[in-house]
PDB file of N, CA and C in Angstrom:
ATOM      1  N   MET A   1      91.333 186.369  31.159  1.00  0.00           N
ATOM      2  CA  MET A   1      91.838 187.617  31.713  1.00  0.00           C
ATOM      3  C   MET A   1      92.930 188.226  30.825  1.00  0.00           C
ATOM      4  N   ALA A   2      93.500 187.452  29.942  1.00  0.00           N
ATOM      5  CA  ALA A   2      94.577 187.960  29.094  1.00  0.00           C
ATOM      6  C   ALA A   2      94.047 188.902  28.018  1.00  0.00           C
ATOM      7  N   HIS A   3      92.756 188.785  27.704  1.00  0.00           N
ATOM      8  CA  HIS A   3      92.228 189.629  26.631  1.00  0.00           C
ATOM      9  C   HIS A   3      91.666 190.956  27.130  1.00  0.00           C
ATOM     10  N   ALA A   4      91.777 191.262  28.411  1.00  0.00           N
ATOM     11  CA  ALA A   4      91.241 192.513  28.948  1.00  0.00           C
ATOM     12  C   ALA A   4      91.965 193.750  28.392  1.00  0.00           C
ATOM     13  N   PRO A   5      93.304 193.778  28.305  1.00  0.00           N
ATOM     14  CA  PRO A   5      93.958 194.972  27.735  1.00  0.00           C
ATOM     15  C   PRO A   5      93.562 195.205  26.277  1.00  0.00           C
ATOM     16  N   ALA A   6      93.379 194.135  25.508  1.00  0.00           N
ATOM     17  CA  ALA A   6      92.992 194.301  24.106  1.00  0.00           C
ATOM     18  C   ALA A   6      91.605 194.933  24.015  1.00  0.00           C
ATOM     19  N   ALA A   7      90.715 194.581  24.932  1.00  0.00           N
ATOM     20  CA  ALA A   7      89.380 195.173  24.929  1.00  0.00           C
ATOM     21  C   ALA A   7      89.454 196.650  25.305  1.00  0.00           C
ATOM     22  N   ASP A   8      90.416 197.023  26.153  1.00  0.00           N
ATOM     23  CA  ASP A   8      90.561 198.428  26.539  1.00  0.00           C
ATOM     24  C   ASP A   8      91.083 199.278  25.381  1.00  0.00           C
ATOM     25  N   THR A   9      91.996 198.722  24.584  1.00  0.00           N
ATOM     26  CA  THR A   9      92.597 199.515  23.510  1.00  0.00           C
ATOM     27  C   THR A   9      91.748 199.489  22.246  1.00  0.00           C
ATOM     28  N   GLY A  10      90.731 198.664  22.180  1.00  0.00           N
ATOM     29  CA  GLY A  10      89.913 198.542  20.973  1.00  0.00           C
ATOM     30  C   GLY A  10      89.206 199.824  20.571  1.00  0.00           C
ATOM     31  N   PRO A  11      88.397 200.420  21.448  1.00  0.00           N
ATOM     32  CA  PRO A  11      87.666 201.627  21.043  1.00  0.00           C
ATOM     33  C   PRO A  11      88.576 202.791  20.673  1.00  0.00           C
ATOM     34  N   GLU A  12      89.680 202.965  21.405  1.00  0.00           N
ATOM     35  CA  GLU A  12      90.586 204.063  21.080  1.00  0.00           C
ATOM     36  C   GLU A  12      91.205 203.861  19.709  1.00  0.00           C
ATOM     37  N   ARG A  13      91.557 202.627  19.406  1.00  0.00           N
ATOM     38  CA  ARG A  13      92.167 202.359  18.112  1.00  0.00           C
ATOM     39  C   ARG A  13      91.150 202.563  16.997  1.00  0.00           C
ATOM     40  N   SER A  14      89.925 202.115  17.182  1.00  0.00           N
ATOM     41  CA  SER A  14      88.930 202.292  16.130  1.00  0.00           C
ATOM     42  C   SER A  14      88.591 203.773  15.963  1.00  0.00           C
ATOM     43  N   ASN A  15      88.589 204.542  17.052  1.00  0.00           N
ATOM     44  CA  ASN A  15      88.354 205.984  16.931  1.00  0.00           C
ATOM     45  C   ASN A  15      89.455 206.642  16.115  1.00  0.00           C
ATOM     46  N   GLY A  16      90.689 206.232  16.361  1.00  0.00           N
ATOM     47  CA  GLY A  16      91.806 206.785  15.594  1.00  0.00           C
ATOM     48  C   GLY A  16      91.696 206.429  14.124  1.00  0.00           C
ATOM     49  N   LEU A  17      91.289 205.204  13.834  1.00  0.00           N
ATOM     50  CA  LEU A  17      91.153 204.791  12.435  1.00  0.00           C
ATOM     51  C   LEU A  17      90.019 205.541  11.756  1.00  0.00           C
ATOM     52  N   VAL A  18      88.925 205.745  12.468  1.00  0.00           N
ATOM     53  CA  VAL A  18      87.807 206.502  11.888  1.00  0.00           C
ATOM     54  C   VAL A  18      88.237 207.944  11.624  1.00  0.00           C
ATOM     55  N   THR A  19      88.942 208.542  12.573  1.00  0.00           N
ATOM     56  CA  THR A  19      89.424 209.913  12.380  1.00  0.00           C
ATOM     57  C   THR A  19      90.371 209.989  11.194  1.00  0.00           C
ATOM     58  N   LEU A  20      91.265 209.012  11.085  1.00  0.00           N
ATOM     59  CA  LEU A  20      92.205 208.983   9.967  1.00  0.00           C
ATOM     60  C   LEU A  20      91.464 208.829   8.646  1.00  0.00           C
ATOM     61  N   ALA A  21      90.472 207.951   8.614  1.00  0.00           N
ATOM     62  CA  ALA A  21      89.710 207.740   7.382  1.00  0.00           C
ATOM     63  C   ALA A  21      88.958 209.005   6.985  1.00  0.00           C
ATOM     64  N   ILE A  22      88.369 209.699   7.955  1.00  0.00           N
ATOM     65  CA  ILE A  22      87.640 210.935   7.650  1.00  0.00           C
ATOM     66  C   ILE A  22      88.610 212.010   7.155  1.00  0.00           C
ATOM     67  N   ALA A  23      89.771 212.103   7.793  1.00  0.00           N
ATOM     68  CA  ALA A  23      90.750 213.109   7.376  1.00  0.00           C
ATOM     69  C   ALA A  23      91.247 212.826   5.960  1.00  0.00           C
ATOM     70  N   LEU A  24      91.557 211.569   5.670  1.00  0.00           N
ATOM     71  CA  LEU A  24      92.027 211.227   4.324  1.00  0.00           C
ATOM     72  C   LEU A  24      90.929 211.446   3.294  1.00  0.00           C
ATOM     73  N   GLY A  25      89.707 211.115   3.646  1.00  0.00           N
ATOM     74  CA  GLY A  25      88.592 211.346   2.726  1.00  0.00           C
ATOM     75  C   GLY A  25      88.397 212.826   2.452  1.00  0.00           C
ATOM     76  N   GLY A  26      88.513 213.638   3.483  1.00  0.00           N
ATOM     77  CA  GLY A  26      88.382 215.079   3.296  1.00  0.00           C
ATOM     78  C   GLY A  26      89.491 215.645   2.428  1.00  0.00           C
ATOM     79  N   LEU A  27      90.716 215.168   2.647  1.00  0.00           N
ATOM     80  CA  LEU A  27      91.827 215.630   1.814  1.00  0.00           C
ATOM     81  C   LEU A  27      91.634 215.204   0.366  1.00  0.00           C
ATOM     82  N   GLY A  28      91.164 213.976   0.175  1.00  0.00           N
ATOM     83  CA  GLY A  28      90.913 213.499  -1.188  1.00  0.00           C
ATOM     84  C   GLY A  28      89.836 214.312  -1.873  1.00  0.00           C
ATOM     85  N   LEU A  29      88.800 214.635  -1.136  1.00  0.00           N
ATOM     86  CA  LEU A  29      87.706 215.435  -1.701  1.00  0.00           C
ATOM     87  C   LEU A  29      88.204 216.836  -2.062  1.00  0.00           C
ATOM     88  N   LEU A  30      88.982 217.447  -1.172  1.00  0.00           N
ATOM     89  CA  LEU A  30      89.493 218.788  -1.448  1.00  0.00           C
ATOM     90  C   LEU A  30      90.435 218.789  -2.644  1.00  0.00           C
ATOM     91  N   SER A  31      91.300 217.781  -2.738  1.00  0.00           N
ATOM     92  CA  SER A  31      92.219 217.741  -3.872  1.00  0.00           C
ATOM     93  C   SER A  31      91.466 217.483  -5.170  1.00  0.00           C
ATOM     94  N   GLY A  32      90.403 216.683  -5.101  1.00  0.00           N
ATOM     95  CA  GLY A  32      89.590 216.452  -6.293  1.00  0.00           C
ATOM     96  C   GLY A  32      88.896 217.720  -6.752  1.00  0.00           C
ATOM     97  N   VAL A  33      88.356 218.484  -5.819  1.00  0.00           N
ATOM     98  CA  VAL A  33      87.693 219.746  -6.168  1.00  0.00           C
ATOM     99  C   VAL A  33      88.712 220.732  -6.730  1.00  0.00           C
ATOM    100  N   ALA A  34      89.896 220.777  -6.124  1.00  0.00           N
ATOM    101  CA  ALA A  34      90.930 221.688  -6.620  1.00  0.00           C
ATOM    102  C   ALA A  34      91.373 221.298  -8.027  1.00  0.00           C
ATOM    103  N   ALA A  35      91.538 220.002  -8.274  1.00  0.00           N
ATOM    104  CA  ALA A  35      91.941 219.545  -9.609  1.00  0.00           C
ATOM    105  C   ALA A  35      90.862 219.866 -10.638  1.00  0.00           C
ATOM    106  N   LEU A  36      89.610 219.686 -10.266  1.00  0.00           N
ATOM    107  CA  LEU A  36      88.503 220.005 -11.175  1.00  0.00           C
ATOM    108  C   LEU A  36      88.473 221.504 -11.470  1.00  0.00           C
ATOM    109  N   PHE A  37      88.689 222.319 -10.449  1.00  0.00           N
ATOM    110  CA  PHE A  37      88.695 223.770 -10.629  1.00  0.00           C
ATOM    111  C   PHE A  37      89.819 224.193 -11.572  1.00  0.00           C
ATOM    112  N   VAL A  38      91.013 223.611 -11.377  1.00  0.00           N
ATOM    113  CA  VAL A  38      92.151 223.951 -12.235  1.00  0.00           C
ATOM    114  C   VAL A  38      91.881 223.506 -13.667  1.00  0.00           C
ATOM    115  N   ALA A  39      91.300 222.318 -13.830  1.00  0.00           N
ATOM    116  CA  ALA A  39      91.007 221.821 -15.179  1.00  0.00           C
ATOM    117  C   ALA A  39      89.979 222.711 -15.870  1.00  0.00           C
ATOM    118  N   LEU A  40      88.982 223.168 -15.129  1.00  0.00           N
ATOM    119  CA  LEU A  40      87.970 224.038 -15.734  1.00  0.00           C
ATOM    120  C   LEU A  40      88.542 225.416 -16.057  1.00  0.00           C
ATOM    121  N   ARG A  41      89.483 225.885 -15.259  1.00  0.00           N
ATOM    122  CA  ARG A  41      90.078 227.198 -15.522  1.00  0.00           C
ATOM    123  C   ARG A  41      90.981 227.152 -16.750  1.00  0.00           C
ATOM    124  N   ARG A  42      91.657 226.013 -16.974  1.00  0.00           N
ATOM    125  CA  ARG A  42      92.620 225.945 -18.071  1.00  0.00           C
ATOM    126  C   ARG A  42      91.954 225.736 -19.420  1.00  0.00           C
ATOM    127  N   THR A  43      90.872 224.975 -19.466  1.00  0.00           N
ATOM    128  CA  THR A  43      90.227 224.703 -20.748  1.00  0.00           C
ATOM    129  C   THR A  43      89.224 225.811 -21.049  1.00  0.00           C
ATOM    130  N   PRO A  44      89.289 226.384 -22.223  1.00  0.00           N
ATOM    131  CA  PRO A  44      88.316 227.421 -22.557  1.00  0.00           C
ATOM    132  C   PRO A  44      86.928 226.829 -22.725  1.00  0.00           C
ATOM    133  N   SER A  45      85.972 227.442 -22.110  1.00  0.00           N
ATOM    134  CA  SER A  45      84.604 226.932 -22.153  1.00  0.00           C
ATOM    135  C   SER A  45      83.939 227.327 -23.467  1.00  0.00           C
ATOM    136  N   PRO A  46      83.261 226.397 -24.137  1.00  0.00           N
ATOM    137  CA  PRO A  46      82.551 226.758 -25.372  1.00  0.00           C
ATOM    138  C   PRO A  46      81.474 227.812 -25.127  1.00  0.00           C
ATOM    139  N   ALA A  47      80.816 227.752 -23.979  1.00  0.00           N
ATOM    140  CA  ALA A  47      79.783 228.738 -23.672  1.00  0.00           C
ATOM    141  C   ALA A  47      80.401 230.124 -23.536  1.00  0.00           C
ATOM    142  N   ARG A  48      81.570 230.201 -22.913  1.00  0.00           N
ATOM    143  CA  ARG A  48      82.230 231.495 -22.769  1.00  0.00           C
ATOM    144  C   ARG A  48      82.688 232.016 -24.128  1.00  0.00           C
ATOM    145  N   ALA A  49      83.175 231.124 -24.991  1.00  0.00           N
ATOM    146  CA  ALA A  49      83.640 231.534 -26.314  1.00  0.00           C
ATOM    147  C   ALA A  49      82.476 232.069 -27.144  1.00  0.00           C
ATOM    148  N   THR A  50      81.337 231.392 -27.104  1.00  0.00           N
ATOM    149  CA  THR A  50      80.190 231.867 -27.886  1.00  0.00           C
ATOM    150  C   THR A  50      79.653 233.169 -27.304  1.00  0.00           C
ATOM    151  N   ALA A  51      79.697 233.334 -26.002  1.00  0.00           N
ATOM    152  CA  ALA A  51      79.237 234.588 -25.403  1.00  0.00           C
ATOM    153  C   ALA A  51      80.143 235.736 -25.838  1.00  0.00           C
ATOM    154  N   ALA A  52      81.446 235.494 -25.893  1.00  0.00           N
ATOM    155  CA  ALA A  52      82.374 236.531 -26.344  1.00  0.00           C
ATOM    156  C   ALA A  52      82.135 236.844 -27.817  1.00  0.00           C
ATOM    157  N   ASP A  53      81.863 235.825 -28.616  1.00  0.00           N
ATOM    158  CA  ASP A  53      81.569 236.045 -30.036  1.00  0.00           C
ATOM    159  C   ASP A  53      80.297 236.861 -30.194  1.00  0.00           C
ATOM    160  N   ASP A  54      79.279 236.544 -29.404  1.00  0.00           N
ATOM    161  CA  ASP A  54      78.017 237.282 -29.490  1.00  0.00           C
ATOM    162  C   ASP A  54      78.223 238.757 -29.132  1.00  0.00           C
ATOM    163  N   ARG A  55      79.023 239.005 -28.102  1.00  0.00           N
ATOM    164  CA  ARG A  55      79.286 240.392 -27.716  1.00  0.00           C
ATOM    165  C   ARG A  55      80.048 241.119 -28.821  1.00  0.00           C
ATOM    166  N   ALA A  56      80.991 240.432 -29.450  1.00  0.00           N
ATOM    167  CA  ALA A  56      81.773 241.050 -30.516  1.00  0.00           C
ATOM    168  C   ALA A  56      80.873 241.391 -31.700  1.00  0.00           C
ATOM    169  N   HIS A  57      79.934 240.514 -32.012  1.00  0.00           N
ATOM    170  CA  HIS A  57      79.059 240.755 -33.161  1.00  0.00           C
ATOM    171  C   HIS A  57      78.038 241.847 -32.864  1.00  0.00           C
ATOM    172  N   THR A  58      77.553 241.895 -31.633  1.00  0.00           N
ATOM    173  CA  THR A  58      76.525 242.895 -31.326  1.00  0.00           C
ATOM    174  C   THR A  58      77.139 244.279 -31.173  1.00  0.00           C
ATOM    175  N   SER A  59      78.394 244.365 -30.713  1.00  0.00           N
ATOM    176  CA  SER A  59      79.006 245.679 -30.525  1.00  0.00           C
ATOM    177  C   SER A  59      79.510 246.246 -31.842  1.00  0.00           C
ATOM    178  N   ALA A  60      79.752 245.400 -32.830  1.00  0.00           N
ATOM    179  CA  ALA A  60      80.296 245.874 -34.111  1.00  0.00           C
ATOM    180  C   ALA A  60      79.217 246.460 -35.013  1.00  0.00           C
TER     181      ALA A  60
END
């Protein structure tokens, strides 16, 4: 009979842990996407550079 309260608090605690894990995973995913976006914005793309060169050569 001593283990009855622990059985009552088990599902609520696991639900909280699952919610916490999903929230942390979502934050990690969003920060990863944001970091990737910033990295891509800062580094000049070779494809963009060649496209600009092509436009410069064709317009001249």
